[in-house]
């Protein structure tokens, strides 16, 4: 999943600048990560803190935006809603194809990605750019639950011939990947028995 965010191929996916970076002594916790770092003169791996350095989206996330709209009792302009759908559609095309091109001739990647946790809190609000002059760009983030989608899952014929054990493993792994309250009905076992994708 980190490669997707590093690729930088989409304005609609939050960019990852550095991942799996660990250090000690940054002051995130007085007990486990003090500043300055002191552990009796010994380096202890258990006190490391892991970090991701990601693109900063100064306007927060869509969940906060929706809460503010509700709290203040005003309506979002219709254009904002359509642009939000456009940004999300572009992000999903990128996850499926590896680029935002919709041409049949466009190069695609072998293994699409399923995010499994799309919700307003994981949609960040960026800034205006040349493609988003009137309203800020929306960016999909948090790929912690994401998985590559095997070709057998995407193709109904391959699904029918796929090993039962592998089917079960994929379904068990994919079925409940989401934040509670945001699990789509299509992810449930009954739906997966009916149609794989």
N, C-alpha and C. Protein backbone atom coordinates (compact mmCIF):
# COMPACT_ATOMS: atom_id res chain seq x y z
N UNK A 1 0.81 -1.18 0.00
CA UNK A 1 0.00 0.00 0.00
C UNK A 1 0.87 1.26 0.00
N UNK A 2 2.04 1.14 0.64
CA UNK A 2 2.91 2.31 0.69
C UNK A 2 3.32 2.74 -0.71
N UNK A 3 3.50 1.76 -1.62
CA UNK A 3 3.90 2.10 -2.98
C UNK A 3 2.86 2.95 -3.68
N UNK A 4 1.59 2.72 -3.38
CA UNK A 4 0.52 3.51 -3.99
C UNK A 4 0.66 4.96 -3.58
N UNK A 5 0.88 5.19 -2.29
CA UNK A 5 0.98 6.55 -1.79
C UNK A 5 2.29 7.20 -2.22
N UNK A 6 3.33 6.40 -2.39
CA UNK A 6 4.62 6.94 -2.84
C UNK A 6 4.61 7.26 -4.32
N UNK A 7 3.83 6.51 -5.08
CA UNK A 7 3.86 6.64 -6.53
C UNK A 7 3.57 8.05 -7.00
N UNK A 8 2.71 8.74 -6.28
CA UNK A 8 2.41 10.11 -6.66
C UNK A 8 1.69 10.22 -7.99
N UNK A 9 1.06 9.14 -8.43
CA UNK A 9 0.39 9.15 -9.73
C UNK A 9 -1.00 9.74 -9.70
N UNK A 10 -1.48 10.12 -8.53
CA UNK A 10 -2.82 10.66 -8.43
C UNK A 10 -2.85 11.85 -7.48
N UNK A 11 -3.51 12.90 -7.91
CA UNK A 11 -3.72 14.05 -7.03
C UNK A 11 -4.77 13.73 -5.97
N UNK A 12 -5.44 12.59 -6.11
CA UNK A 12 -6.56 12.25 -5.24
C UNK A 12 -6.21 11.17 -4.22
N UNK A 13 -4.92 10.88 -4.09
CA UNK A 13 -4.40 9.96 -3.08
C UNK A 13 -3.36 10.74 -2.27
N UNK A 14 -3.45 10.68 -0.93
CA UNK A 14 -2.49 11.38 -0.09
C UNK A 14 -1.11 10.78 -0.33
N UNK A 15 -0.13 11.64 -0.51
CA UNK A 15 1.23 11.19 -0.80
C UNK A 15 1.98 10.82 0.48
N UNK A 16 2.79 9.79 0.36
CA UNK A 16 3.63 9.33 1.46
C UNK A 16 5.07 9.68 1.12
N UNK A 17 5.71 10.47 1.98
CA UNK A 17 7.08 10.89 1.71
C UNK A 17 8.11 9.95 2.34
N UNK A 18 7.79 9.40 3.50
CA UNK A 18 8.71 8.48 4.16
C UNK A 18 7.89 7.56 5.06
N UNK A 19 8.19 6.26 5.00
CA UNK A 19 7.42 5.32 5.82
C UNK A 19 8.34 4.48 6.68
N UNK A 20 7.73 3.84 7.66
CA UNK A 20 8.43 2.92 8.55
C UNK A 20 9.70 3.55 9.12
N UNK A 21 9.59 4.80 9.50
CA UNK A 21 10.70 5.51 10.09
C UNK A 21 10.57 5.39 11.61
N UNK A 22 11.59 4.88 12.27
CA UNK A 22 11.54 4.70 13.71
C UNK A 22 12.64 5.50 14.37
N UNK A 23 12.31 6.08 15.52
CA UNK A 23 13.30 6.82 16.28
C UNK A 23 12.87 6.83 17.74
N UNK A 24 13.79 7.16 18.58
CA UNK A 24 13.49 7.31 20.00
C UNK A 24 13.82 8.72 20.43
N UNK A 25 13.16 9.17 21.49
CA UNK A 25 13.47 10.47 22.05
C UNK A 25 12.83 11.64 21.36
N UNK A 26 11.60 11.48 20.94
CA UNK A 26 10.93 12.60 20.29
C UNK A 26 9.87 13.23 21.17
N UNK A 27 9.72 12.72 22.39
CA UNK A 27 8.82 13.35 23.34
C UNK A 27 7.35 13.02 23.16
N UNK A 28 7.03 11.96 22.47
CA UNK A 28 5.62 11.63 22.27
C UNK A 28 4.98 11.06 23.52
N UNK A 29 5.78 10.52 24.43
CA UNK A 29 5.27 9.97 25.69
C UNK A 29 6.35 10.14 26.75
N UNK A 30 5.97 10.70 27.90
CA UNK A 30 6.96 10.89 28.97
C UNK A 30 7.50 9.55 29.46
N UNK A 31 6.65 8.54 29.50
CA UNK A 31 7.09 7.24 30.02
C UNK A 31 7.88 6.43 29.00
N UNK A 32 7.42 6.38 27.75
CA UNK A 32 8.03 5.48 26.78
C UNK A 32 8.94 6.17 25.77
N UNK A 33 8.81 7.48 25.63
CA UNK A 33 9.59 8.18 24.61
C UNK A 33 9.98 9.58 25.12
N UNK A 34 10.75 9.62 26.20
CA UNK A 34 11.06 10.92 26.81
C UNK A 34 11.98 11.78 25.94
N UNK A 35 11.93 13.08 26.19
CA UNK A 35 12.83 14.01 25.53
C UNK A 35 13.53 14.81 26.60
N UNK A 36 14.84 14.85 26.69
CA UNK A 36 15.76 14.08 25.85
C UNK A 36 15.69 12.59 26.17
N UNK A 37 16.13 11.78 25.22
CA UNK A 37 16.04 10.32 25.34
C UNK A 37 17.02 9.82 26.37
N UNK A 38 16.51 9.21 27.44
CA UNK A 38 17.37 8.64 28.47
C UNK A 38 16.87 7.25 28.81
N UNK A 39 17.74 6.31 28.77
CA UNK A 39 17.37 4.94 29.17
C UNK A 39 18.56 4.30 29.86
N UNK A 40 19.16 5.04 30.76
CA UNK A 40 20.31 4.52 31.48
C UNK A 40 21.52 4.35 30.58
N UNK A 41 21.63 5.16 29.53
CA UNK A 41 22.75 5.07 28.62
C UNK A 41 22.66 3.94 27.62
N UNK A 42 21.56 3.20 27.64
CA UNK A 42 21.40 2.08 26.71
C UNK A 42 20.30 2.39 25.70
N UNK A 43 20.55 1.93 24.49
CA UNK A 43 19.53 2.06 23.45
C UNK A 43 18.57 0.89 23.59
N UNK A 44 17.29 1.16 23.65
CA UNK A 44 16.29 0.10 23.76
C UNK A 44 15.28 0.22 22.63
N UNK A 45 15.24 -0.81 21.82
CA UNK A 45 14.36 -0.82 20.65
C UNK A 45 12.90 -0.66 21.04
N UNK A 46 12.51 -1.18 22.19
CA UNK A 46 11.10 -1.12 22.59
C UNK A 46 10.63 0.33 22.80
N UNK A 47 11.56 1.25 22.93
CA UNK A 47 11.17 2.65 23.11
C UNK A 47 11.09 3.42 21.80
N UNK A 48 11.30 2.73 20.69
CA UNK A 48 11.20 3.42 19.41
C UNK A 48 9.75 3.78 19.10
N UNK A 49 9.59 4.86 18.38
CA UNK A 49 8.28 5.29 17.91
C UNK A 49 8.33 5.26 16.39
N UNK A 50 7.35 4.61 15.77
CA UNK A 50 7.30 4.54 14.31
C UNK A 50 6.50 5.71 13.77
N UNK A 51 6.94 6.19 12.61
CA UNK A 51 6.28 7.34 12.01
C UNK A 51 6.11 7.16 10.51
N UNK A 52 5.11 7.84 10.00
CA UNK A 52 4.91 8.01 8.56
C UNK A 52 4.97 9.51 8.30
N UNK A 53 5.67 9.91 7.26
CA UNK A 53 5.69 11.31 6.87
C UNK A 53 4.84 11.43 5.61
N UNK A 54 3.69 12.08 5.77
CA UNK A 54 2.72 12.16 4.69
C UNK A 54 2.44 13.61 4.31
N UNK A 55 1.83 13.74 3.18
CA UNK A 55 1.39 15.04 2.69
C UNK A 55 0.45 15.67 3.73
N UNK A 56 0.64 16.95 3.98
CA UNK A 56 -0.21 17.68 4.92
C UNK A 56 -1.39 18.28 4.18
N UNK A 57 -2.57 17.99 4.66
CA UNK A 57 -3.79 18.55 4.07
C UNK A 57 -4.38 19.51 5.10
N UNK A 58 -4.11 20.78 4.91
CA UNK A 58 -4.39 21.80 5.91
C UNK A 58 -5.87 22.02 6.21
N UNK A 59 -6.74 21.54 5.36
CA UNK A 59 -8.17 21.79 5.56
C UNK A 59 -8.90 20.66 6.27
N UNK A 60 -8.16 19.71 6.85
CA UNK A 60 -8.78 18.66 7.64
C UNK A 60 -9.36 17.54 6.80
N UNK A 61 -10.44 16.95 7.31
CA UNK A 61 -11.05 15.83 6.61
C UNK A 61 -12.54 16.08 6.38
N UNK A 62 -13.13 15.25 5.57
CA UNK A 62 -14.52 15.42 5.19
C UNK A 62 -15.47 15.22 6.37
N UNK A 63 -15.12 14.37 7.33
CA UNK A 63 -15.96 14.16 8.51
C UNK A 63 -16.09 15.47 9.30
N UNK A 64 -14.97 16.17 9.48
CA UNK A 64 -15.00 17.45 10.20
C UNK A 64 -15.80 18.50 9.42
N UNK A 65 -15.64 18.49 8.10
CA UNK A 65 -16.38 19.43 7.25
C UNK A 65 -17.88 19.19 7.36
N UNK A 66 -18.29 17.93 7.31
CA UNK A 66 -19.71 17.59 7.43
C UNK A 66 -20.24 17.99 8.80
N UNK A 67 -19.47 17.73 9.86
CA UNK A 67 -19.88 18.10 11.22
C UNK A 67 -20.06 19.61 11.34
N UNK A 68 -19.16 20.37 10.73
CA UNK A 68 -19.27 21.83 10.77
C UNK A 68 -20.51 22.31 10.02
N UNK A 69 -20.79 21.71 8.88
CA UNK A 69 -21.98 22.07 8.10
C UNK A 69 -23.24 21.82 8.93
N UNK A 70 -23.30 20.65 9.58
CA UNK A 70 -24.47 20.31 10.40
C UNK A 70 -24.57 21.25 11.60
N UNK A 71 -23.46 21.48 12.27
CA UNK A 71 -23.44 22.33 13.46
C UNK A 71 -23.90 23.76 13.15
N UNK A 72 -23.48 24.29 12.02
CA UNK A 72 -23.82 25.67 11.65
C UNK A 72 -25.12 25.78 10.86
N UNK A 73 -25.68 24.64 10.47
CA UNK A 73 -26.97 24.64 9.80
C UNK A 73 -26.97 25.22 8.40
N UNK A 74 -25.86 25.12 7.69
CA UNK A 74 -25.88 25.60 6.31
C UNK A 74 -25.72 24.44 5.35
N UNK A 75 -26.02 24.71 4.11
CA UNK A 75 -25.96 23.68 3.07
C UNK A 75 -24.67 23.78 2.28
N UNK A 76 -24.15 22.63 1.89
CA UNK A 76 -23.01 22.63 0.97
C UNK A 76 -23.53 22.95 -0.43
N UNK A 77 -22.80 23.74 -1.19
CA UNK A 77 -23.22 23.99 -2.57
C UNK A 77 -23.24 22.68 -3.35
N UNK A 78 -24.18 22.57 -4.27
CA UNK A 78 -24.29 21.36 -5.09
C UNK A 78 -22.98 21.07 -5.82
N UNK A 79 -22.31 22.13 -6.28
CA UNK A 79 -21.04 21.93 -6.99
C UNK A 79 -20.02 21.22 -6.10
N UNK A 80 -19.99 21.55 -4.81
CA UNK A 80 -19.05 20.92 -3.88
C UNK A 80 -19.30 19.41 -3.83
N UNK A 81 -20.57 19.03 -3.76
CA UNK A 81 -20.91 17.61 -3.67
C UNK A 81 -20.50 16.88 -4.95
N UNK A 82 -20.76 17.48 -6.12
CA UNK A 82 -20.38 16.84 -7.38
C UNK A 82 -18.86 16.76 -7.52
N UNK A 83 -18.16 17.80 -7.10
CA UNK A 83 -16.69 17.78 -7.17
C UNK A 83 -16.11 16.73 -6.21
N UNK A 84 -16.76 16.56 -5.06
CA UNK A 84 -16.32 15.53 -4.11
C UNK A 84 -16.45 14.15 -4.75
N UNK A 85 -17.58 13.89 -5.39
CA UNK A 85 -17.76 12.60 -6.09
C UNK A 85 -16.72 12.43 -7.19
N UNK A 86 -16.43 13.51 -7.90
CA UNK A 86 -15.44 13.44 -8.98
C UNK A 86 -14.06 13.07 -8.42
N UNK A 87 -13.67 13.70 -7.31
CA UNK A 87 -12.38 13.39 -6.70
C UNK A 87 -12.33 11.94 -6.23
N UNK A 88 -13.40 11.48 -5.60
CA UNK A 88 -13.43 10.09 -5.12
C UNK A 88 -13.41 9.10 -6.28
N UNK A 89 -14.14 9.41 -7.33
CA UNK A 89 -14.14 8.54 -8.51
C UNK A 89 -12.73 8.46 -9.10
N UNK A 90 -12.03 9.58 -9.16
CA UNK A 90 -10.66 9.59 -9.69
C UNK A 90 -9.74 8.74 -8.81
N UNK A 91 -9.91 8.84 -7.49
CA UNK A 91 -9.09 8.03 -6.58
C UNK A 91 -9.37 6.54 -6.78
N UNK A 92 -10.63 6.18 -6.97
CA UNK A 92 -10.98 4.77 -7.16
C UNK A 92 -10.50 4.23 -8.49
N UNK A 93 -10.56 5.06 -9.53
CA UNK A 93 -10.01 4.65 -10.83
C UNK A 93 -8.51 4.39 -10.68
N UNK A 94 -7.83 5.26 -9.93
CA UNK A 94 -6.40 5.07 -9.70
C UNK A 94 -6.13 3.74 -8.97
N UNK A 95 -6.92 3.43 -7.95
CA UNK A 95 -6.73 2.17 -7.22
C UNK A 95 -6.98 0.97 -8.11
N UNK A 96 -7.90 1.10 -9.04
CA UNK A 96 -8.23 -0.01 -9.93
C UNK A 96 -7.22 -0.16 -11.07
N UNK A 97 -6.81 0.96 -11.67
CA UNK A 97 -5.98 0.91 -12.88
C UNK A 97 -4.51 1.25 -12.66
N UNK A 98 -4.21 2.01 -11.58
CA UNK A 98 -2.84 2.47 -11.38
C UNK A 98 -2.60 3.83 -11.99
N UNK A 99 -3.63 4.40 -12.58
CA UNK A 99 -3.59 5.77 -13.11
C UNK A 99 -5.03 6.26 -13.18
N UNK A 100 -5.19 7.52 -13.51
CA UNK A 100 -6.54 8.09 -13.58
C UNK A 100 -7.09 8.12 -15.00
N UNK A 101 -6.37 7.50 -15.92
CA UNK A 101 -6.83 7.46 -17.32
C UNK A 101 -7.97 6.45 -17.46
N UNK A 102 -8.97 6.82 -18.23
CA UNK A 102 -10.08 5.90 -18.46
C UNK A 102 -10.07 5.32 -19.87
N UNK A 103 -9.03 5.65 -20.65
CA UNK A 103 -8.90 5.08 -22.00
C UNK A 103 -8.65 3.58 -21.92
N UNK A 104 -9.16 2.86 -22.91
CA UNK A 104 -8.88 1.43 -22.98
C UNK A 104 -7.40 1.16 -23.25
N UNK A 105 -6.72 2.12 -23.88
CA UNK A 105 -5.31 1.96 -24.23
C UNK A 105 -4.37 2.26 -23.06
N UNK A 106 -4.89 2.85 -21.99
CA UNK A 106 -4.04 3.25 -20.87
C UNK A 106 -3.44 2.02 -20.20
N UNK A 107 -2.19 2.14 -19.80
CA UNK A 107 -1.50 1.05 -19.11
C UNK A 107 -2.09 0.89 -17.71
N UNK A 108 -2.33 -0.34 -17.29
CA UNK A 108 -2.88 -0.59 -15.96
C UNK A 108 -1.97 -1.54 -15.20
N UNK A 109 -2.15 -1.59 -13.89
CA UNK A 109 -1.35 -2.53 -13.13
C UNK A 109 -2.08 -3.84 -12.95
N UNK A 110 -1.30 -4.88 -12.60
CA UNK A 110 -1.83 -6.24 -12.54
C UNK A 110 -2.78 -6.47 -11.36
N UNK A 111 -2.50 -5.85 -10.25
CA UNK A 111 -3.27 -6.14 -9.04
C UNK A 111 -3.89 -4.87 -8.48
N UNK A 112 -5.17 -4.64 -8.77
CA UNK A 112 -5.84 -3.47 -8.22
C UNK A 112 -5.86 -3.51 -6.69
N UNK A 113 -6.17 -2.39 -6.10
CA UNK A 113 -6.20 -2.28 -4.64
C UNK A 113 -7.63 -2.03 -4.19
N UNK A 114 -8.02 -2.72 -3.14
CA UNK A 114 -9.30 -2.44 -2.49
C UNK A 114 -8.98 -1.73 -1.18
N UNK A 115 -9.54 -0.56 -0.97
CA UNK A 115 -9.23 0.27 0.19
C UNK A 115 -9.84 -0.29 1.47
N UNK A 116 -11.08 -0.71 1.43
CA UNK A 116 -11.84 -1.32 2.53
C UNK A 116 -12.20 -0.37 3.66
N UNK A 117 -11.81 0.89 3.63
CA UNK A 117 -12.13 1.78 4.75
C UNK A 117 -12.43 3.20 4.27
N UNK A 118 -13.19 3.30 3.21
CA UNK A 118 -13.55 4.63 2.71
C UNK A 118 -14.67 5.17 3.58
N UNK A 119 -14.40 6.29 4.20
CA UNK A 119 -15.35 6.98 5.07
C UNK A 119 -14.93 8.45 5.12
N UNK A 120 -15.81 9.34 5.56
CA UNK A 120 -15.47 10.77 5.56
C UNK A 120 -14.19 11.11 6.31
N UNK A 121 -13.88 10.40 7.39
CA UNK A 121 -12.66 10.68 8.14
C UNK A 121 -11.38 10.33 7.40
N UNK A 122 -11.48 9.48 6.38
CA UNK A 122 -10.31 9.09 5.58
C UNK A 122 -10.24 9.82 4.24
N UNK A 123 -11.05 10.85 4.09
CA UNK A 123 -11.00 11.69 2.90
C UNK A 123 -10.52 13.06 3.35
N UNK A 124 -9.30 13.39 2.99
CA UNK A 124 -8.69 14.65 3.42
C UNK A 124 -8.96 15.75 2.41
N UNK A 125 -9.00 16.98 2.92
CA UNK A 125 -9.28 18.14 2.08
C UNK A 125 -7.98 18.88 1.84
N UNK A 126 -7.54 18.86 0.60
CA UNK A 126 -6.30 19.54 0.23
C UNK A 126 -6.53 21.01 -0.06
N UNK A 127 -5.78 21.53 -0.98
CA UNK A 127 -5.89 22.94 -1.35
C UNK A 127 -6.37 23.05 -2.79
N UNK A 128 -6.50 24.28 -3.23
CA UNK A 128 -6.85 24.53 -4.63
C UNK A 128 -5.60 24.31 -5.48
N UNK A 129 -5.79 23.81 -6.68
CA UNK A 129 -4.68 23.68 -7.63
C UNK A 129 -5.23 23.96 -9.02
N UNK A 130 -4.42 23.75 -10.04
CA UNK A 130 -4.86 24.09 -11.40
C UNK A 130 -6.06 23.26 -11.85
N UNK A 131 -6.20 22.04 -11.35
CA UNK A 131 -7.36 21.22 -11.70
C UNK A 131 -8.54 21.41 -10.75
N UNK A 132 -8.31 22.13 -9.67
CA UNK A 132 -9.35 22.38 -8.67
C UNK A 132 -9.31 23.86 -8.28
N UNK A 133 -9.59 24.76 -9.23
CA UNK A 133 -9.44 26.18 -8.95
C UNK A 133 -10.53 26.76 -8.04
N UNK A 134 -11.74 26.20 -8.09
CA UNK A 134 -12.84 26.78 -7.31
C UNK A 134 -13.03 26.09 -5.95
N UNK A 135 -12.79 24.81 -5.91
CA UNK A 135 -12.96 24.04 -4.68
C UNK A 135 -11.72 23.19 -4.45
N UNK A 136 -11.35 22.95 -3.19
CA UNK A 136 -10.13 22.18 -2.93
C UNK A 136 -10.24 20.72 -3.36
N UNK A 137 -9.10 20.13 -3.64
CA UNK A 137 -9.03 18.72 -4.01
C UNK A 137 -9.30 17.85 -2.78
N UNK A 138 -10.00 16.75 -2.98
CA UNK A 138 -10.20 15.76 -1.92
C UNK A 138 -9.27 14.59 -2.20
N UNK A 139 -8.68 14.03 -1.11
CA UNK A 139 -7.67 12.98 -1.25
C UNK A 139 -8.00 11.81 -0.34
N UNK A 140 -7.95 10.62 -0.91
CA UNK A 140 -8.18 9.40 -0.14
C UNK A 140 -6.93 9.08 0.67
N UNK A 141 -7.12 8.72 1.93
CA UNK A 141 -5.98 8.41 2.80
C UNK A 141 -6.26 7.15 3.61
N UNK A 142 -5.33 6.76 4.44
CA UNK A 142 -5.41 5.63 5.36
C UNK A 142 -5.64 4.30 4.64
N UNK A 143 -4.55 3.75 4.15
CA UNK A 143 -4.60 2.48 3.44
C UNK A 143 -4.25 1.30 4.35
N UNK A 144 -4.40 1.49 5.65
CA UNK A 144 -4.04 0.46 6.61
C UNK A 144 -4.81 -0.84 6.47
N UNK A 145 -6.03 -0.79 5.97
CA UNK A 145 -6.83 -2.00 5.78
C UNK A 145 -6.84 -2.48 4.34
N UNK A 146 -6.19 -1.73 3.45
CA UNK A 146 -6.21 -2.06 2.03
C UNK A 146 -5.51 -3.36 1.70
N UNK A 147 -5.97 -3.98 0.61
CA UNK A 147 -5.37 -5.23 0.12
C UNK A 147 -5.32 -5.22 -1.40
N UNK A 148 -4.30 -5.85 -1.97
CA UNK A 148 -4.33 -6.09 -3.42
C UNK A 148 -5.45 -7.08 -3.72
N UNK A 149 -6.13 -6.89 -4.83
CA UNK A 149 -7.23 -7.77 -5.22
C UNK A 149 -6.70 -8.82 -6.19
N UNK A 150 -6.69 -10.10 -5.81
CA UNK A 150 -6.20 -11.14 -6.73
C UNK A 150 -7.06 -11.20 -7.99
N UNK A 151 -6.46 -11.59 -9.09
CA UNK A 151 -7.20 -11.65 -10.36
C UNK A 151 -8.36 -12.64 -10.27
N UNK A 152 -8.23 -13.65 -9.43
CA UNK A 152 -9.31 -14.62 -9.29
C UNK A 152 -10.56 -14.00 -8.68
N UNK A 153 -10.39 -12.96 -7.90
CA UNK A 153 -11.53 -12.29 -7.29
C UNK A 153 -12.22 -11.39 -8.31
N UNK A 154 -11.46 -10.81 -9.22
CA UNK A 154 -12.01 -9.88 -10.19
C UNK A 154 -12.69 -10.56 -11.38
N UNK A 155 -12.38 -11.80 -11.63
CA UNK A 155 -12.89 -12.49 -12.81
C UNK A 155 -13.80 -13.64 -12.39
N UNK A 156 -15.08 -13.57 -12.78
CA UNK A 156 -16.06 -14.57 -12.35
C UNK A 156 -15.68 -15.99 -12.78
N UNK A 157 -15.12 -16.14 -13.98
CA UNK A 157 -14.72 -17.48 -14.44
C UNK A 157 -13.57 -18.03 -13.59
N UNK A 158 -12.58 -17.19 -13.32
CA UNK A 158 -11.46 -17.62 -12.48
C UNK A 158 -11.94 -17.93 -11.06
N UNK A 159 -12.92 -17.15 -10.58
CA UNK A 159 -13.44 -17.35 -9.23
C UNK A 159 -14.03 -18.75 -9.09
N UNK A 160 -14.76 -19.19 -10.09
CA UNK A 160 -15.40 -20.51 -10.05
C UNK A 160 -14.38 -21.64 -9.98
N UNK A 161 -13.21 -21.44 -10.57
CA UNK A 161 -12.20 -22.50 -10.60
C UNK A 161 -11.14 -22.34 -9.51
N UNK A 162 -11.23 -21.28 -8.73
CA UNK A 162 -10.22 -21.02 -7.70
C UNK A 162 -10.35 -22.02 -6.57
N UNK A 163 -9.25 -22.42 -6.02
CA UNK A 163 -9.17 -23.35 -4.90
C UNK A 163 -10.08 -22.90 -3.75
N UNK A 164 -10.89 -23.81 -3.21
CA UNK A 164 -11.83 -23.47 -2.14
C UNK A 164 -11.15 -22.88 -0.91
N UNK A 165 -10.01 -23.43 -0.55
CA UNK A 165 -9.29 -22.93 0.62
C UNK A 165 -8.86 -21.48 0.41
N UNK A 166 -8.35 -21.17 -0.77
CA UNK A 166 -7.93 -19.80 -1.06
C UNK A 166 -9.13 -18.85 -1.08
N UNK A 167 -10.25 -19.32 -1.63
CA UNK A 167 -11.47 -18.50 -1.62
C UNK A 167 -11.85 -18.15 -0.18
N UNK A 168 -11.86 -19.18 0.67
CA UNK A 168 -12.24 -18.97 2.06
C UNK A 168 -11.29 -18.00 2.76
N UNK A 169 -9.99 -18.16 2.53
CA UNK A 169 -9.00 -17.27 3.15
C UNK A 169 -9.23 -15.83 2.69
N UNK A 170 -9.42 -15.64 1.37
CA UNK A 170 -9.64 -14.28 0.86
C UNK A 170 -10.91 -13.69 1.46
N UNK A 171 -12.00 -14.45 1.47
CA UNK A 171 -13.27 -13.93 1.99
C UNK A 171 -13.18 -13.60 3.47
N UNK A 172 -12.52 -14.48 4.24
CA UNK A 172 -12.38 -14.21 5.67
C UNK A 172 -11.52 -12.98 5.92
N UNK A 173 -10.50 -12.81 5.10
CA UNK A 173 -9.62 -11.66 5.26
C UNK A 173 -10.29 -10.36 4.83
N UNK A 174 -11.09 -10.42 3.79
CA UNK A 174 -11.68 -9.21 3.22
C UNK A 174 -13.02 -8.83 3.84
N UNK A 175 -13.74 -9.80 4.33
CA UNK A 175 -15.14 -9.60 4.69
C UNK A 175 -15.42 -8.50 5.71
N UNK A 176 -14.64 -8.38 6.75
CA UNK A 176 -14.93 -7.39 7.79
C UNK A 176 -13.89 -6.27 7.85
N UNK A 177 -13.18 -6.04 6.78
CA UNK A 177 -12.17 -4.97 6.75
C UNK A 177 -12.85 -3.63 6.56
N UNK A 178 -13.11 -2.97 7.63
CA UNK A 178 -13.70 -1.62 7.59
C UNK A 178 -13.87 -1.16 9.03
N UNK A 179 -14.11 0.10 9.18
CA UNK A 179 -14.45 0.64 10.48
C UNK A 179 -15.88 0.22 10.80
N UNK A 180 -16.15 -0.26 12.03
CA UNK A 180 -17.54 -0.60 12.37
C UNK A 180 -18.46 0.59 12.06
N UNK A 181 -19.58 0.28 11.48
CA UNK A 181 -20.52 1.32 11.06
C UNK A 181 -20.33 1.74 9.61
N UNK A 182 -19.21 1.33 9.02
CA UNK A 182 -18.93 1.66 7.62
C UNK A 182 -18.70 0.41 6.77
N UNK A 183 -19.08 -0.75 7.27
CA UNK A 183 -18.90 -1.99 6.52
C UNK A 183 -19.98 -2.07 5.45
N UNK A 184 -19.59 -2.08 4.19
CA UNK A 184 -20.61 -2.12 3.13
C UNK A 184 -21.27 -3.49 3.06
N UNK A 185 -22.56 -3.53 2.74
CA UNK A 185 -23.26 -4.82 2.67
C UNK A 185 -22.60 -5.80 1.71
N UNK A 186 -21.99 -5.30 0.63
CA UNK A 186 -21.38 -6.19 -0.36
C UNK A 186 -20.20 -6.97 0.22
N UNK A 187 -19.65 -6.53 1.35
CA UNK A 187 -18.50 -7.20 1.95
C UNK A 187 -18.89 -8.40 2.80
N UNK A 188 -20.15 -8.55 3.06
CA UNK A 188 -20.58 -9.63 3.95
C UNK A 188 -20.52 -10.98 3.25
N UNK A 189 -20.41 -12.02 4.02
CA UNK A 189 -20.24 -13.38 3.52
C UNK A 189 -21.29 -13.77 2.48
N UNK A 190 -22.57 -13.46 2.76
CA UNK A 190 -23.62 -13.86 1.84
C UNK A 190 -23.40 -13.24 0.47
N UNK A 191 -22.99 -11.98 0.45
CA UNK A 191 -22.75 -11.30 -0.82
C UNK A 191 -21.55 -11.91 -1.54
N UNK A 192 -20.52 -12.26 -0.79
CA UNK A 192 -19.33 -12.85 -1.41
C UNK A 192 -19.63 -14.24 -1.96
N UNK A 193 -20.55 -14.96 -1.32
CA UNK A 193 -20.95 -16.26 -1.86
C UNK A 193 -21.67 -16.10 -3.19
N UNK A 194 -22.45 -15.02 -3.29
CA UNK A 194 -23.21 -14.79 -4.52
C UNK A 194 -22.31 -14.30 -5.65
N UNK A 195 -21.49 -13.29 -5.37
CA UNK A 195 -20.62 -12.73 -6.40
C UNK A 195 -19.33 -12.25 -5.74
N UNK A 196 -18.19 -12.59 -6.31
CA UNK A 196 -16.91 -12.32 -5.66
C UNK A 196 -16.47 -10.87 -5.66
N UNK A 197 -16.94 -10.04 -6.57
CA UNK A 197 -16.38 -8.68 -6.67
C UNK A 197 -17.46 -7.67 -6.89
